[in-house]
Amino acid sequence: MKTHDLKCWPIYFRPMRSGNKTFEVRKNDRGYQPGDLLVLHEWDQATQRYSGNRIIAGPVTFIGYDLPGLQNGYVAMCFAELRFLDA
C-alpha cells in the first residue's frame, strides 16, 4: 500500500467534498494499486497556493484502465472511504 499526495483543483475537490464525486481520474504515472491511499490537497491555480483543505481517499477499491471515454494512460479509481480534513 502506498500513499500518494496529489494536488486537486477546486473544480474537482468541491464535488468530492459534497459527496457528489466518489472517484478520481488521474494519469497513471505513479503505479496506482488497489489498497493505496490518495491524499488530495485542494490547490488554487489562480493563487498558486494550497487552501489547507484535504481529502483522504481510500483505500482504492477499484481501478479502471480501459474504460470507455478514458484517455489512454489514465485510470479511474474508486474508494472505500473519504475523510475530509478542512483547514
C-alpha atoms as a PDB file:
ATOM      1  CA  MET A   1       0.000   0.000   0.000  1.00  0.00           C
ATOM      2  CA  LYS A   2       1.290   3.442  -0.975  1.00  0.00           C
ATOM      3  CA  THR A   3       0.108   6.920  -0.041  1.00  0.00           C
ATOM      4  CA  HIS A   4       0.010   9.406  -2.913  1.00  0.00           C
ATOM      5  CA  ASP A   5      -0.055  13.157  -2.153  1.00  0.00           C
ATOM      6  CA  LEU A   6      -1.770  14.930  -5.046  1.00  0.00           C
ATOM      7  CA  LYS A   7      -2.884  18.428  -5.990  1.00  0.00           C
ATOM      8  CA  CYS A   8      -6.607  18.716  -6.642  1.00  0.00           C
ATOM      9  CA  TRP A   9      -8.174  21.753  -8.293  1.00  0.00           C
ATOM     10  CA  PRO A  10     -11.277  23.196  -6.595  1.00  0.00           C
ATOM     11  CA  ILE A  11     -13.482  22.288  -9.579  1.00  0.00           C
ATOM     12  CA  TYR A  12     -12.835  18.600  -8.752  1.00  0.00           C
ATOM     13  CA  PHE A  13     -12.283  18.950  -4.996  1.00  0.00           C
ATOM     14  CA  ARG A  14     -15.640  20.586  -4.164  1.00  0.00           C
ATOM     15  CA  PRO A  15     -17.876  17.877  -5.712  1.00  0.00           C
ATOM     16  CA  MET A  16     -15.906  15.248  -3.848  1.00  0.00           C
ATOM     17  CA  ARG A  17     -16.228  17.251  -0.630  1.00  0.00           C
ATOM     18  CA  SER A  18     -20.001  17.484  -1.082  1.00  0.00           C
ATOM     19  CA  GLY A  19     -20.290  13.728  -1.745  1.00  0.00           C
ATOM     20  CA  ASN A  20     -21.289  14.083  -5.397  1.00  0.00           C
ATOM     21  CA  LYS A  21     -17.999  12.720  -6.772  1.00  0.00           C
ATOM     22  CA  THR A  22     -16.777   9.372  -5.463  1.00  0.00           C
ATOM     23  CA  PHE A  23     -13.963   8.620  -7.876  1.00  0.00           C
ATOM     24  CA  GLU A  24     -10.751  10.178  -9.143  1.00  0.00           C
ATOM     25  CA  VAL A  25      -9.283  10.144 -12.675  1.00  0.00           C
ATOM     26  CA  ARG A  26      -5.512  10.505 -12.884  1.00  0.00           C
ATOM     27  CA  LYS A  27      -2.646   9.959 -15.257  1.00  0.00           C
ATOM     28  CA  ASN A  28      -1.283   6.540 -14.394  1.00  0.00           C
ATOM     29  CA  ASP A  29       2.250   7.761 -13.720  1.00  0.00           C
ATOM     30  CA  ARG A  30       2.528   6.501 -10.133  1.00  0.00           C
ATOM     31  CA  GLY A  31       1.651   2.835 -10.443  1.00  0.00           C
ATOM     32  CA  TYR A  32      -1.631   3.112  -8.540  1.00  0.00           C
ATOM     33  CA  GLN A  33      -2.772  -0.143  -6.969  1.00  0.00           C
ATOM     34  CA  PRO A  34      -5.842  -1.359  -5.059  1.00  0.00           C
ATOM     35  CA  GLY A  35      -5.297  -0.618  -1.379  1.00  0.00           C
ATOM     36  CA  ASP A  36      -3.460   2.677  -1.998  1.00  0.00           C
ATOM     37  CA  LEU A  37      -4.482   5.922  -0.303  1.00  0.00           C
ATOM     38  CA  LEU A  38      -4.789   9.264  -2.069  1.00  0.00           C
ATOM     39  CA  VAL A  39      -4.347  12.476  -0.117  1.00  0.00           C
ATOM     40  CA  LEU A  40      -5.913  15.189  -2.249  1.00  0.00           C
ATOM     41  CA  HIS A  41      -4.741  18.706  -1.380  1.00  0.00           C
ATOM     42  CA  GLU A  42      -7.011  21.482  -2.656  1.00  0.00           C
ATOM     43  CA  TRP A  43      -4.867  23.656  -4.951  1.00  0.00           C
ATOM     44  CA  ASP A  44      -5.931  27.027  -6.321  1.00  0.00           C
ATOM     45  CA  GLN A  45      -4.379  27.502  -9.750  1.00  0.00           C
ATOM     46  CA  ALA A  46      -5.054  31.273  -9.707  1.00  0.00           C
ATOM     47  CA  THR A  47      -3.135  31.945  -6.478  1.00  0.00           C
ATOM     48  CA  GLN A  48      -0.729  29.012  -6.836  1.00  0.00           C
ATOM     49  CA  ARG A  49      -1.428  28.081  -3.201  1.00  0.00           C
ATOM     50  CA  TYR A  50      -2.912  25.226  -1.218  1.00  0.00           C
ATOM     51  CA  SER A  51      -6.096  26.041   0.701  1.00  0.00           C
ATOM     52  CA  GLY A  52      -5.180  23.682   3.537  1.00  0.00           C
ATOM     53  CA  ASN A  53      -8.249  21.505   2.833  1.00  0.00           C
ATOM     54  CA  ARG A  54      -7.523  17.834   2.236  1.00  0.00           C
ATOM     55  CA  ILE A  55      -9.380  14.665   1.428  1.00  0.00           C
ATOM     56  CA  ILE A  56      -8.020  11.256   2.304  1.00  0.00           C
ATOM     57  CA  ALA A  57      -9.472   8.912  -0.293  1.00  0.00           C
ATOM     58  CA  GLY A  58      -9.030   5.240   0.206  1.00  0.00           C
ATOM     59  CA  PRO A  59      -8.225   2.625   0.254  1.00  0.00           C
ATOM     60  CA  VAL A  60      -8.614   2.350  -3.511  1.00  0.00           C
ATOM     61  CA  THR A  61     -11.086  -0.472  -4.185  1.00  0.00           C
ATOM     62  CA  PHE A  62     -11.232  -0.420  -7.995  1.00  0.00           C
ATOM     63  CA  ILE A  63      -9.017   0.830 -10.801  1.00  0.00           C
ATOM     64  CA  GLY A  64     -10.410   1.107 -14.318  1.00  0.00           C
ATOM     65  CA  TYR A  65      -7.774   1.145 -17.048  1.00  0.00           C
ATOM     66  CA  ASP A  66      -9.609   0.790 -20.354  1.00  0.00           C
ATOM     67  CA  LEU A  67     -12.967   2.395 -19.645  1.00  0.00           C
ATOM     68  CA  PRO A  68     -14.942   3.999 -22.495  1.00  0.00           C
ATOM     69  CA  GLY A  69     -14.054   7.689 -22.778  1.00  0.00           C
ATOM     70  CA  LEU A  70     -10.950   7.370 -20.601  1.00  0.00           C
ATOM     71  CA  GLN A  71      -7.873   8.818 -22.258  1.00  0.00           C
ATOM     72  CA  ASN A  72      -5.015   6.405 -22.913  1.00  0.00           C
ATOM     73  CA  GLY A  73      -2.591   6.311 -19.959  1.00  0.00           C
ATOM     74  CA  TYR A  74      -5.222   7.429 -17.405  1.00  0.00           C
ATOM     75  CA  VAL A  75      -7.062   5.473 -14.720  1.00  0.00           C
ATOM     76  CA  ALA A  76     -10.321   5.936 -12.848  1.00  0.00           C
ATOM     77  CA  MET A  77     -10.191   4.966  -9.160  1.00  0.00           C
ATOM     78  CA  CYS A  78     -12.982   4.272  -6.675  1.00  0.00           C
ATOM     79  CA  PHE A  79     -12.578   4.376  -2.890  1.00  0.00           C
ATOM     80  CA  ALA A  80     -13.921   2.599   0.154  1.00  0.00           C
ATOM     81  CA  GLU A  81     -13.999   5.803   2.199  1.00  0.00           C
ATOM     82  CA  LEU A  82     -13.467   9.558   2.015  1.00  0.00           C
ATOM     83  CA  ARG A  83     -12.247  11.544   5.021  1.00  0.00           C
ATOM     84  CA  PHE A  84     -12.269  15.333   4.990  1.00  0.00           C
ATOM     85  CA  LEU A  85      -9.650  17.454   6.731  1.00  0.00           C
ATOM     86  CA  ASP A  86     -10.540  21.131   6.478  1.00  0.00           C
ATOM     87  CA  ALA A  87      -8.096  23.939   7.154  1.00  0.00           C
END
